[in-house]
PDB file of N, CA and C in Angstrom:
ATOM      1  N   UNK A   1      -4.979 -12.089  -5.742  1.00  0.00           N
ATOM      2  CA  UNK A   1      -5.357 -12.092  -7.053  1.00  0.00           C
ATOM      3  C   UNK A   1      -6.771 -12.768  -7.338  1.00  0.00           C
ATOM      4  N   UNK A   2      -7.426 -12.239  -8.311  1.00  0.00           N
ATOM      5  CA  UNK A   2      -8.754 -12.758  -8.570  1.00  0.00           C
ATOM      6  C   UNK A   2      -8.428 -14.180  -9.576  1.00  0.00           C
ATOM      7  N   UNK A   3      -9.576 -14.641  -9.990  1.00  0.00           N
ATOM      8  CA  UNK A   3      -9.503 -15.756 -10.733  1.00  0.00           C
ATOM      9  C   UNK A   3      -8.954 -15.626 -12.079  1.00  0.00           C
ATOM     10  N   UNK A   4      -8.699 -14.273 -12.534  1.00  0.00           N
ATOM     11  CA  UNK A   4      -8.165 -14.009 -13.889  1.00  0.00           C
ATOM     12  C   UNK A   4      -6.497 -13.888 -13.600  1.00  0.00           C
ATOM     13  N   UNK A   5      -6.026 -13.964 -12.346  1.00  0.00           N
ATOM     14  CA  UNK A   5      -4.846 -13.641 -11.926  1.00  0.00           C
ATOM     15  C   UNK A   5      -4.481 -12.170 -11.760  1.00  0.00           C
ATOM     16  N   UNK A   6      -5.469 -11.331 -11.706  1.00  0.00           N
ATOM     17  CA  UNK A   6      -5.182  -9.883 -11.511  1.00  0.00           C
ATOM     18  C   UNK A   6      -5.261  -9.557 -10.008  1.00  0.00           C
ATOM     19  N   UNK A   7      -4.230  -8.653  -9.686  1.00  0.00           N
ATOM     20  CA  UNK A   7      -4.265  -8.159  -8.256  1.00  0.00           C
ATOM     21  C   UNK A   7      -5.506  -7.003  -8.263  1.00  0.00           C
ATOM     22  N   UNK A   8      -5.891  -6.655  -7.208  1.00  0.00           N
ATOM     23  CA  UNK A   8      -7.011  -5.629  -7.036  1.00  0.00           C
ATOM     24  C   UNK A   8      -6.618  -4.499  -7.447  1.00  0.00           C
ATOM     25  N   UNK A   9      -5.388  -4.190  -7.623  1.00  0.00           N
ATOM     26  CA  UNK A   9      -4.955  -2.798  -8.154  1.00  0.00           C
ATOM     27  C   UNK A   9      -4.764  -2.798  -9.830  1.00  0.00           C
ATOM     28  N   UNK A  10      -4.986  -3.946 -10.375  1.00  0.00           N
ATOM     29  CA  UNK A  10      -4.824  -4.150 -11.710  1.00  0.00           C
ATOM     30  C   UNK A  10      -6.235  -3.969 -12.429  1.00  0.00           C
ATOM     31  N   UNK A  11      -6.701  -2.696 -12.942  1.00  0.00           N
ATOM     32  CA  UNK A  11      -7.957  -2.496 -13.337  1.00  0.00           C
ATOM     33  C   UNK A  11      -8.085  -2.171 -14.838  1.00  0.00           C
ATOM     34  N   UNK A  12      -6.957  -2.104 -15.385  1.00  0.00           N
ATOM     35  CA  UNK A  12      -6.757  -1.751 -16.809  1.00  0.00           C
ATOM     36  C   UNK A  12      -7.793  -2.545 -17.643  1.00  0.00           C
ATOM     37  N   UNK A  13      -8.636  -1.846 -18.403  1.00  0.00           N
ATOM     38  CA  UNK A  13      -9.456  -2.474 -19.321  1.00  0.00           C
ATOM     39  C   UNK A  13     -10.707  -2.945 -18.667  1.00  0.00           C
ATOM     40  N   UNK A  14     -11.015  -2.732 -17.368  1.00  0.00           N
ATOM     41  CA  UNK A  14     -12.181  -3.118 -16.630  1.00  0.00           C
ATOM     42  C   UNK A  14     -13.089  -1.820 -16.563  1.00  0.00           C
ATOM     43  N   UNK A  15     -14.307  -2.012 -16.679  1.00  0.00           N
ATOM     44  CA  UNK A  15     -15.352  -0.882 -16.540  1.00  0.00           C
ATOM     45  C   UNK A  15     -15.352  -0.413 -15.077  1.00  0.00           C
ATOM     46  N   UNK A  16     -15.474   1.035 -14.878  1.00  0.00           N
ATOM     47  CA  UNK A  16     -15.454   1.570 -13.655  1.00  0.00           C
ATOM     48  C   UNK A  16     -15.935   2.767 -13.601  1.00  0.00           C
ATOM     49  N   UNK A  17     -15.976   3.463 -12.407  1.00  0.00           N
ATOM     50  CA  UNK A  17     -16.632   4.850 -12.184  1.00  0.00           C
ATOM     51  C   UNK A  17     -15.965   5.780 -12.960  1.00  0.00           C
ATOM     52  N   UNK A  18     -16.671   6.828 -13.263  1.00  0.00           N
ATOM     53  CA  UNK A  18     -16.055   7.945 -14.028  1.00  0.00           C
ATOM     54  C   UNK A  18     -14.908   8.570 -13.278  1.00  0.00           C
ATOM     55  N   UNK A  19     -13.790   9.016 -13.901  1.00  0.00           N
ATOM     56  CA  UNK A  19     -12.683   9.668 -13.205  1.00  0.00           C
ATOM     57  C   UNK A  19     -13.012  11.146 -13.194  1.00  0.00           C
ATOM     58  N   UNK A  20     -12.601  11.650 -11.944  1.00  0.00           N
ATOM     59  CA  UNK A  20     -12.737  13.026 -11.794  1.00  0.00           C
ATOM     60  C   UNK A  20     -11.545  13.663 -12.389  1.00  0.00           C
ATOM     61  N   UNK A  21     -11.497  14.661 -13.324  1.00  0.00           N
ATOM     62  CA  UNK A  21     -10.429  15.164 -14.072  1.00  0.00           C
ATOM     63  C   UNK A  21     -10.163  16.598 -13.698  1.00  0.00           C
ATOM     64  N   UNK A  22     -11.070  17.209 -12.961  1.00  0.00           N
ATOM     65  CA  UNK A  22     -10.874  18.501 -12.446  1.00  0.00           C
ATOM     66  C   UNK A  22      -9.906  18.796 -11.643  1.00  0.00           C
ATOM     67  N   UNK A  23      -9.244  20.023 -11.613  1.00  0.00           N
ATOM     68  CA  UNK A  23      -7.897  20.341 -10.789  1.00  0.00           C
ATOM     69  C   UNK A  23      -8.658  20.539  -9.421  1.00  0.00           C
ATOM     70  N   UNK A  24      -7.896  20.071  -8.368  1.00  0.00           N
ATOM     71  CA  UNK A  24      -8.460  20.324  -6.949  1.00  0.00           C
ATOM     72  C   UNK A  24      -7.084  20.516  -6.185  1.00  0.00           C
ATOM     73  N   UNK A  25      -7.345  21.334  -5.158  1.00  0.00           N
ATOM     74  CA  UNK A  25      -6.259  21.392  -4.037  1.00  0.00           C
ATOM     75  C   UNK A  25      -6.198  20.293  -3.262  1.00  0.00           C
ATOM     76  N   UNK A  26      -4.933  19.711  -2.959  1.00  0.00           N
ATOM     77  CA  UNK A  26      -4.767  18.685  -1.963  1.00  0.00           C
ATOM     78  C   UNK A  26      -5.119  19.229  -0.488  1.00  0.00           C
ATOM     79  N   UNK A  27      -5.649  18.293   0.156  1.00  0.00           N
ATOM     80  CA  UNK A  27      -5.867  18.642   1.692  1.00  0.00           C
ATOM     81  C   UNK A  27      -4.616  18.646   2.383  1.00  0.00           C
ATOM     82  N   UNK A  28      -4.662  19.382   3.416  1.00  0.00           N
ATOM     83  CA  UNK A  28      -3.378  19.514   4.302  1.00  0.00           C
ATOM     84  C   UNK A  28      -2.771  18.106   4.733  1.00  0.00           C
ATOM     85  N   UNK A  29      -3.657  17.165   5.051  1.00  0.00           N
ATOM     86  CA  UNK A  29      -3.130  15.885   5.405  1.00  0.00           C
ATOM     87  C   UNK A  29      -2.448  15.138   4.263  1.00  0.00           C
ATOM     88  N   UNK A  30      -3.039  15.430   3.128  1.00  0.00           N
ATOM     89  CA  UNK A  30      -2.550  14.762   1.969  1.00  0.00           C
ATOM     90  C   UNK A  30      -1.101  15.303   1.538  1.00  0.00           C
ATOM     91  N   UNK A  31      -1.014  16.516   1.643  1.00  0.00           N
ATOM     92  CA  UNK A  31       0.317  17.272   1.339  1.00  0.00           C
ATOM     93  C   UNK A  31       1.373  16.739   2.549  1.00  0.00           C
ATOM     94  N   UNK A  32       0.916  16.456   3.700  1.00  0.00           N
ATOM     95  CA  UNK A  32       1.846  15.909   4.723  1.00  0.00           C
ATOM     96  C   UNK A  32       2.158  14.438   4.365  1.00  0.00           C
ATOM     97  N   UNK A  33       1.362  13.753   3.873  1.00  0.00           N
ATOM     98  CA  UNK A  33       1.712  12.339   3.655  1.00  0.00           C
ATOM     99  C   UNK A  33       2.674  12.397   2.357  1.00  0.00           C
ATOM    100  N   UNK A  34       2.610  13.153   1.579  1.00  0.00           N
ATOM    101  CA  UNK A  34       3.416  13.340   0.272  1.00  0.00           C
ATOM    102  C   UNK A  34       4.795  13.873   0.822  1.00  0.00           C
ATOM    103  N   UNK A  35       4.827  14.737   1.744  1.00  0.00           N
ATOM    104  CA  UNK A  35       6.166  15.134   2.456  1.00  0.00           C
ATOM    105  C   UNK A  35       6.790  14.065   3.175  1.00  0.00           C
ATOM    106  N   UNK A  36       6.056  13.378   3.731  1.00  0.00           N
ATOM    107  CA  UNK A  36       6.522  12.184   4.565  1.00  0.00           C
ATOM    108  C   UNK A  36       7.229  11.215   3.573  1.00  0.00           C
ATOM    109  N   UNK A  37       6.643  10.887   2.633  1.00  0.00           N
ATOM    110  CA  UNK A  37       7.165   9.881   1.618  1.00  0.00           C
ATOM    111  C   UNK A  37       8.428  10.444   0.857  1.00  0.00           C
ATOM    112  N   UNK A  38       8.414  11.772   0.656  1.00  0.00           N
ATOM    113  CA  UNK A  38       9.740  12.445   0.072  1.00  0.00           C
ATOM    114  C   UNK A  38      10.833  12.295   1.125  1.00  0.00           C
ATOM    115  N   UNK A  39      10.478  12.542   2.376  1.00  0.00           N
ATOM    116  CA  UNK A  39      11.594  12.353   3.328  1.00  0.00           C
ATOM    117  C   UNK A  39      12.195  10.966   3.467  1.00  0.00           C
ATOM    118  N   UNK A  40      11.288   9.971   3.435  1.00  0.00           N
ATOM    119  CA  UNK A  40      11.591   8.563   3.575  1.00  0.00           C
ATOM    120  C   UNK A  40      12.321   8.178   2.401  1.00  0.00           C
ATOM    121  N   UNK A  41      12.027   8.488   1.107  1.00  0.00           N
ATOM    122  CA  UNK A  41      12.519   8.106  -0.088  1.00  0.00           C
ATOM    123  C   UNK A  41      13.924   8.724  -0.348  1.00  0.00           C
ATOM    124  N   UNK A  42      13.942  10.024  -0.112  1.00  0.00           N
ATOM    125  CA  UNK A  42      15.113  10.843  -0.449  1.00  0.00           C
ATOM    126  C   UNK A  42      16.326  10.619   0.424  1.00  0.00           C
ATOM    127  N   UNK A  43      17.480  11.255  -0.168  1.00  0.00           N
ATOM    128  CA  UNK A  43      18.615  11.255   0.799  1.00  0.00           C
ATOM    129  C   UNK A  43      18.426  12.248   1.997  1.00  0.00           C
ATOM    130  N   UNK A  44      19.123  11.971   2.945  1.00  0.00           N
ATOM    131  CA  UNK A  44      20.016  10.943   3.212  1.00  0.00           C
ATOM    132  C   UNK A  44      19.457   9.687   3.687  1.00  0.00           C
ATOM    133  N   UNK A  45      18.276   9.627   3.955  1.00  0.00           N
ATOM    134  CA  UNK A  45      17.529   8.377   4.618  1.00  0.00           C
ATOM    135  C   UNK A  45      17.580   7.275   3.781  1.00  0.00           C
ATOM    136  N   UNK A  46      16.831   7.381   2.616  1.00  0.00           N
ATOM    137  CA  UNK A  46      16.418   6.308   1.864  1.00  0.00           C
ATOM    138  C   UNK A  46      15.926   4.998   2.574  1.00  0.00           C
ATOM    139  N   UNK A  47      14.918   5.391   3.282  1.00  0.00           N
ATOM    140  CA  UNK A  47      14.295   4.198   4.129  1.00  0.00           C
ATOM    141  C   UNK A  47      13.466   3.204   3.406  1.00  0.00           C
ATOM    142  N   UNK A  48      12.792   3.753   2.502  1.00  0.00           N
ATOM    143  CA  UNK A  48      12.039   3.067   1.621  1.00  0.00           C
ATOM    144  C   UNK A  48      12.133   3.548   0.171  1.00  0.00           C
ATOM    145  N   UNK A  49      11.701   2.605  -0.683  1.00  0.00           N
ATOM    146  CA  UNK A  49      11.820   3.003  -2.200  1.00  0.00           C
ATOM    147  C   UNK A  49      10.307   3.011  -2.753  1.00  0.00           C
ATOM    148  N   UNK A  50      10.233   3.662  -3.851  1.00  0.00           N
ATOM    149  CA  UNK A  50       8.919   3.876  -4.463  1.00  0.00           C
ATOM    150  C   UNK A  50       8.443   2.398  -4.828  1.00  0.00           C
ATOM    151  N   UNK A  51       9.332   1.414  -5.214  1.00  0.00           N
ATOM    152  CA  UNK A  51       8.857   0.110  -5.606  1.00  0.00           C
ATOM    153  C   UNK A  51       8.379  -0.590  -4.404  1.00  0.00           C
ATOM    154  N   UNK A  52       8.937  -0.367  -3.169  1.00  0.00           N
ATOM    155  CA  UNK A  52       8.358  -0.957  -2.038  1.00  0.00           C
ATOM    156  C   UNK A  52       6.966  -0.266  -1.691  1.00  0.00           C
ATOM    157  N   UNK A  53       6.875   1.012  -1.865  1.00  0.00           N
ATOM    158  CA  UNK A  53       5.650   1.632  -1.713  1.00  0.00           C
ATOM    159  C   UNK A  53       4.535   1.017  -2.412  1.00  0.00           C
ATOM    160  N   UNK A  54       4.861   0.865  -3.823  1.00  0.00           N
ATOM    161  CA  UNK A  54       3.862   0.367  -4.646  1.00  0.00           C
ATOM    162  C   UNK A  54       3.537  -1.208  -4.376  1.00  0.00           C
ATOM    163  N   UNK A  55       4.452  -2.025  -3.826  1.00  0.00           N
ATOM    164  CA  UNK A  55       4.244  -3.353  -3.426  1.00  0.00           C
ATOM    165  C   UNK A  55       3.247  -3.356  -2.240  1.00  0.00           C
ATOM    166  N   UNK A  56       3.478  -2.433  -1.243  1.00  0.00           N
ATOM    167  CA  UNK A  56       2.522  -2.305  -0.119  1.00  0.00           C
ATOM    168  C   UNK A  56       1.277  -1.968  -0.486  1.00  0.00           C
ATOM    169  N   UNK A  57       1.101  -1.096  -1.438  1.00  0.00           N
ATOM    170  CA  UNK A  57      -0.320  -0.649  -2.034  1.00  0.00           C
ATOM    171  C   UNK A  57      -0.815  -1.784  -2.675  1.00  0.00           C
ATOM    172  N   UNK A  58      -0.285  -2.633  -3.515  1.00  0.00           N
ATOM    173  CA  UNK A  58      -0.748  -3.685  -4.151  1.00  0.00           C
ATOM    174  C   UNK A  58      -1.034  -4.812  -3.319  1.00  0.00           C
ATOM    175  N   UNK A  59      -0.554  -4.851  -2.082  1.00  0.00           N
ATOM    176  CA  UNK A  59      -0.801  -5.954  -1.163  1.00  0.00           C
ATOM    177  C   UNK A  59      -2.037  -5.547  -0.138  1.00  0.00           C
ATOM    178  N   UNK A  60      -2.623  -4.419  -0.383  1.00  0.00           N
ATOM    179  CA  UNK A  60      -3.484  -4.149   0.657  1.00  0.00           C
ATOM    180  C   UNK A  60      -4.816  -5.099   0.746  1.00  0.00           C
ATOM    181  N   UNK A  61      -5.148  -5.688  -0.313  1.00  0.00           N
ATOM    182  CA  UNK A  61      -6.259  -6.459  -0.406  1.00  0.00           C
ATOM    183  C   UNK A  61      -7.489  -5.735  -1.086  1.00  0.00           C
ATOM    184  N   UNK A  62      -8.383  -6.540  -1.601  1.00  0.00           N
ATOM    185  CA  UNK A  62      -9.462  -5.873  -2.291  1.00  0.00           C
ATOM    186  C   UNK A  62     -10.307  -5.014  -1.517  1.00  0.00           C
ATOM    187  N   UNK A  63     -10.675  -5.287  -0.238  1.00  0.00           N
ATOM    188  CA  UNK A  63     -11.496  -4.400   0.553  1.00  0.00           C
ATOM    189  C   UNK A  63     -10.837  -3.118   0.907  1.00  0.00           C
ATOM    190  N   UNK A  64      -9.693  -3.138   1.357  1.00  0.00           N
ATOM    191  CA  UNK A  64      -8.921  -1.943   1.809  1.00  0.00           C
ATOM    192  C   UNK A  64      -8.514  -1.092   0.526  1.00  0.00           C
ATOM    193  N   UNK A  65      -8.202  -1.706  -0.557  1.00  0.00           N
ATOM    194  CA  UNK A  65      -7.744  -0.991  -1.902  1.00  0.00           C
ATOM    195  C   UNK A  65      -8.917  -0.255  -2.278  1.00  0.00           C
ATOM    196  N   UNK A  66     -10.099  -0.746  -2.180  1.00  0.00           N
ATOM    197  CA  UNK A  66     -11.322  -0.105  -2.797  1.00  0.00           C
ATOM    198  C   UNK A  66     -11.833   0.846  -1.777  1.00  0.00           C
ATOM    199  N   UNK A  67     -11.567   0.806  -0.693  1.00  0.00           N
ATOM    200  CA  UNK A  67     -12.250   1.731   0.312  1.00  0.00           C
ATOM    201  C   UNK A  67     -11.324   2.794   0.628  1.00  0.00           C
ATOM    202  N   UNK A  68     -10.129   2.891   0.541  1.00  0.00           N
ATOM    203  CA  UNK A  68      -9.154   3.866   0.842  1.00  0.00           C
ATOM    204  C   UNK A  68      -8.991   4.688  -0.325  1.00  0.00           C
ATOM    205  N   UNK A  69      -8.645   6.096  -0.161  1.00  0.00           N
ATOM    206  CA  UNK A  69      -8.393   7.010  -0.989  1.00  0.00           C
ATOM    207  C   UNK A  69      -6.771   6.852  -1.382  1.00  0.00           C
ATOM    208  N   UNK A  70      -6.418   7.592  -2.367  1.00  0.00           N
ATOM    209  CA  UNK A  70      -5.158   7.538  -2.928  1.00  0.00           C
ATOM    210  C   UNK A  70      -4.110   7.688  -1.651  1.00  0.00           C
ATOM    211  N   UNK A  71      -4.157   8.832  -1.074  1.00  0.00           N
ATOM    212  CA  UNK A  71      -3.133   8.923  -0.164  1.00  0.00           C
ATOM    213  C   UNK A  71      -3.307   8.103   1.258  1.00  0.00           C
ATOM    214  N   UNK A  72      -4.494   7.731   1.414  1.00  0.00           N
ATOM    215  CA  UNK A  72      -4.785   6.594   2.400  1.00  0.00           C
ATOM    216  C   UNK A  72      -4.035   5.398   1.977  1.00  0.00           C
ATOM    217  N   UNK A  73      -3.987   5.062   0.733  1.00  0.00           N
ATOM    218  CA  UNK A  73      -3.236   3.943   0.441  1.00  0.00           C
ATOM    219  C   UNK A  73      -1.658   4.140   0.781  1.00  0.00           C
ATOM    220  N   UNK A  74      -1.235   5.327   0.307  1.00  0.00           N
ATOM    221  CA  UNK A  74       0.162   5.570   0.567  1.00  0.00           C
ATOM    222  C   UNK A  74       0.465   5.507   2.012  1.00  0.00           C
ATOM    223  N   UNK A  75      -0.237   6.080   2.878  1.00  0.00           N
ATOM    224  CA  UNK A  75       0.062   5.984   4.420  1.00  0.00           C
ATOM    225  C   UNK A  75      -0.196   4.680   4.712  1.00  0.00           C
ATOM    226  N   UNK A  76      -1.020   3.770   4.482  1.00  0.00           N
ATOM    227  CA  UNK A  76      -1.139   2.349   4.870  1.00  0.00           C
ATOM    228  C   UNK A  76       0.188   1.826   4.406  1.00  0.00           C
ATOM    229  N   UNK A  77       0.581   1.823   3.210  1.00  0.00           N
ATOM    230  CA  UNK A  77       1.762   1.152   2.699  1.00  0.00           C
ATOM    231  C   UNK A  77       3.182   1.733   3.656  1.00  0.00           C
ATOM    232  N   UNK A  78       3.217   2.854   3.808  1.00  0.00           N
ATOM    233  CA  UNK A  78       4.424   3.571   4.445  1.00  0.00           C
ATOM    234  C   UNK A  78       4.390   2.837   5.822  1.00  0.00           C
ATOM    235  N   UNK A  79       3.246   2.913   6.519  1.00  0.00           N
ATOM    236  CA  UNK A  79       3.064   2.305   7.904  1.00  0.00           C
ATOM    237  C   UNK A  79       3.644   0.877   7.958  1.00  0.00           C
ATOM    238  N   UNK A  80       3.127   0.103   6.905  1.00  0.00           N
ATOM    239  CA  UNK A  80       3.549  -1.216   6.918  1.00  0.00           C
ATOM    240  C   UNK A  80       5.039  -1.475   6.611  1.00  0.00           C
ATOM    241  N   UNK A  81       5.548  -0.668   5.652  1.00  0.00           N
ATOM    242  CA  UNK A  81       7.024  -0.712   5.360  1.00  0.00           C
ATOM    243  C   UNK A  81       7.941  -0.274   6.710  1.00  0.00           C
ATOM    244  N   UNK A  82       7.526   0.709   7.414  1.00  0.00           N
ATOM    245  CA  UNK A  82       8.262   1.111   8.557  1.00  0.00           C
ATOM    246  C   UNK A  82       8.256   0.098   9.609  1.00  0.00           C
ATOM    247  N   UNK A  83       7.160  -0.667   9.653  1.00  0.00           N
ATOM    248  CA  UNK A  83       6.921  -1.709  10.694  1.00  0.00           C
ATOM    249  C   UNK A  83       7.720  -2.964  10.281  1.00  0.00           C
ATOM    250  N   UNK A  84       7.610  -3.214   9.038  1.00  0.00           N
ATOM    251  CA  UNK A  84       8.503  -4.393   8.392  1.00  0.00           C
ATOM    252  C   UNK A  84      10.007  -4.119   8.765  1.00  0.00           C
ATOM    253  N   UNK A  85      10.553  -2.860   8.504  1.00  0.00           N
ATOM    254  CA  UNK A  85      11.846  -2.623   8.709  1.00  0.00           C
ATOM    255  C   UNK A  85      12.363  -2.338  10.064  1.00  0.00           C
ATOM    256  N   UNK A  86      11.465  -2.401  10.880  1.00  0.00           N
ATOM    257  CA  UNK A  86      11.726  -2.157  12.358  1.00  0.00           C
ATOM    258  C   UNK A  86      12.037  -0.825  12.810  1.00  0.00           C
ATOM    259  N   UNK A  87      11.571   0.223  11.829  1.00  0.00           N
ATOM    260  CA  UNK A  87      11.869   1.644  12.042  1.00  0.00           C
ATOM    261  C   UNK A  87      11.012   2.076  13.176  1.00  0.00           C
ATOM    262  N   UNK A  88       9.749   1.611  13.260  1.00  0.00           N
ATOM    263  CA  UNK A  88       8.749   1.882  14.341  1.00  0.00           C
ATOM    264  C   UNK A  88       8.366   0.469  14.740  1.00  0.00           C
ATOM    265  N   UNK A  89       7.724   0.322  15.914  1.00  0.00           N
ATOM    266  CA  UNK A  89       7.101  -0.886  16.536  1.00  0.00           C
ATOM    267  C   UNK A  89       5.631  -0.633  16.590  1.00  0.00           C
ATOM    268  N   UNK A  90       4.806  -1.763  16.557  1.00  0.00           N
ATOM    269  CA  UNK A  90       3.529  -1.556  16.774  1.00  0.00           C
ATOM    270  C   UNK A  90       2.899  -0.933  18.131  1.00  0.00           C
ATOM    271  N   UNK A  91       3.930  -0.982  19.135  1.00  0.00           N
ATOM    272  CA  UNK A  91       3.435  -0.296  20.427  1.00  0.00           C
ATOM    273  C   UNK A  91       3.770   0.995  20.211  1.00  0.00           C
ATOM    274  N   UNK A  92       4.805   1.500  19.591  1.00  0.00           N
ATOM    275  CA  UNK A  92       5.062   2.974  19.297  1.00  0.00           C
ATOM    276  C   UNK A  92       4.001   3.504  18.427  1.00  0.00           C
ATOM    277  N   UNK A  93       3.389   2.790  17.378  1.00  0.00           N
ATOM    278  CA  UNK A  93       2.492   3.312  16.516  1.00  0.00           C
ATOM    279  C   UNK A  93       1.205   3.352  17.380  1.00  0.00           C
ATOM    280  N   UNK A  94       0.857   2.390  18.203  1.00  0.00           N
ATOM    281  CA  UNK A  94      -0.318   2.507  18.970  1.00  0.00           C
ATOM    282  C   UNK A  94      -0.262   3.567  19.881  1.00  0.00           C
ATOM    283  N   UNK A  95       0.739   3.939  20.665  1.00  0.00           N
ATOM    284  CA  UNK A  95       0.650   5.001  21.547  1.00  0.00           C
ATOM    285  C   UNK A  95       0.583   6.208  20.858  1.00  0.00           C
ATOM    286  N   UNK A  96       1.160   6.280  19.560  1.00  0.00           N
ATOM    287  CA  UNK A  96       1.038   7.765  18.886  1.00  0.00           C
ATOM    288  C   UNK A  96      -0.369   7.859  18.335  1.00  0.00           C
ATOM    289  N   UNK A  97      -0.891   6.858  17.915  1.00  0.00           N
ATOM    290  CA  UNK A  97      -2.444   7.012  17.434  1.00  0.00           C
ATOM    291  C   UNK A  97      -3.301   7.427  18.649  1.00  0.00           C
ATOM    292  N   UNK A  98      -2.983   6.705  19.940  1.00  0.00           N
ATOM    293  CA  UNK A  98      -3.699   7.215  21.016  1.00  0.00           C
ATOM    294  C   UNK A  98      -3.573   8.618  21.422  1.00  0.00           C
ATOM    295  N   UNK A  99      -2.380   9.038  21.259  1.00  0.00           N
ATOM    296  CA  UNK A  99      -2.006  10.491  21.588  1.00  0.00           C
ATOM    297  C   UNK A  99      -2.698  11.507  20.759  1.00  0.00           C
ATOM    298  N   UNK A 100      -2.788  11.161  19.361  1.00  0.00           N
ATOM    299  CA  UNK A 100      -3.433  11.900  18.404  1.00  0.00           C
ATOM    300  C   UNK A 100      -4.775  12.014  18.575  1.00  0.00           C
ATOM    301  N   UNK A 101      -5.511  10.818  18.842  1.00  0.00           N
ATOM    302  CA  UNK A 101      -6.776  10.688  19.060  1.00  0.00           C
ATOM    303  C   UNK A 101      -7.101  11.434  20.201  1.00  0.00           C
ATOM    304  N   UNK A 102      -6.371  11.576  21.321  1.00  0.00           N
ATOM    305  CA  UNK A 102      -6.636  12.161  22.347  1.00  0.00           C
ATOM    306  C   UNK A 102      -6.558  13.665  22.413  1.00  0.00           C
ATOM    307  N   UNK A 103      -5.996  14.303  21.257  1.00  0.00           N
ATOM    308  CA  UNK A 103      -6.019  15.700  21.113  1.00  0.00           C
ATOM    309  C   UNK A 103      -7.479  15.967  20.461  1.00  0.00           C
ATOM    310  N   UNK A 104      -8.139  15.469  19.861  1.00  0.00           N
ATOM    311  CA  UNK A 104      -9.446  15.507  19.322  1.00  0.00           C
ATOM    312  C   UNK A 104     -10.467  15.756  20.464  1.00  0.00           C
ATOM    313  N   UNK A 105     -10.300  14.921  21.557  1.00  0.00           N
ATOM    314  CA  UNK A 105     -11.320  14.766  22.686  1.00  0.00           C
ATOM    315  C   UNK A 105     -11.406  16.064  23.286  1.00  0.00           C
TER     316      UNK A 105
END
């Protein structure tokens, strides 16, 4: 929270950059993040709620919130929630990240 009691995400009424209003096709990875969220929120799993997703996004901190794109915020929040709930471990996440990074090498 800033000195006015606002969270980083609470930008209503503040001056900001112009908003891009043109239609655009979502990137493949953005579609994948959306699909992951739908699987985690929907039946039969219901592992996380949209309210939890929002809490995770709001708790990112000013630097991360401003630096990350819309879907990057989603995946950061999803990751944090899955770690909090013990669905995945830090070790499992680290191994998977290393595996994926290795594919690009």
